[in-house]
């Protein structure tokens, strides 16, 4: 199953990177910056059998990313993001008497289309509110967690085939048949306002709907008796982020350079004209 999902996602990654390279090559004006914020994630089990056995609570996390935005016509723009996030799961089982709290780390890449609507935040403060939407791809890097209940224990995530049962270590959660490439659709609403002439601050609220489950029903294993978990669930994430961006206009820089060069060329000519008149 993981290989099948990766084959489906691979063309999307390649096409997105190709489009980004083309934009960087031809763009005359663009903005770049950083953002960070908090996340609230919850997982939904795919199968009714798991929904009857498990329940989920929200899990807090965080994100940090770099971004680059390319303006288009009619207040549209394309934005690419690359960053890191920590999300996870709070899964209850054994009639809600035990809780598996997991924290997962991801490398993320997002591509969004944005539509801006100009507004004035003050008499001399122009700005925008905007809507954005697009795909996000996450690569599952690592994880850790703890289980509370009858037999509590802490663990760290180990990807790959299970070790021989006598050698299984109780402080490791062995994950097999997992989907380490996760695909989601992001939808956001936000505002931006200028701080300086070419510096802006932005705030965005974003909802992310995951399409690909973490793994299969029997993907997670730990040697603790009575422990059971299912990774056949998808995630939904609500995030609030604050960013700071810098705008570069290559056309204005080129115009400024050409004007200075033209002045230098004209100066000797004026001196010659004055000599001819004399």
Foldseek 3Di string as FASTA:
>chain_A
DLVVVCVVCVVVVVVVVVVVVVCVVPAQKKKKWKKKWKKKKEKDFDDPVVVVFKDWDIWMWMWIWIKMWGADPQQKIKMKIWTKIKGWTWMAGPVRQKTKTKIWIKTKIWIKMKHWDWDAPDPPKIKTKMKIKTKMKIFTDWMWTWMDGPDIATATEDEDDDDPLVPFDQRYKYFYQFNRIWMKMKIKIKMKIDPDPFKIKIKMKMKIWTDAFGGAQQGIDGNDPPDGGGRNITMIMIIIMMMMMGMDRNVVVVVVVVVVVVVVVVVVVVVVVVVVVD
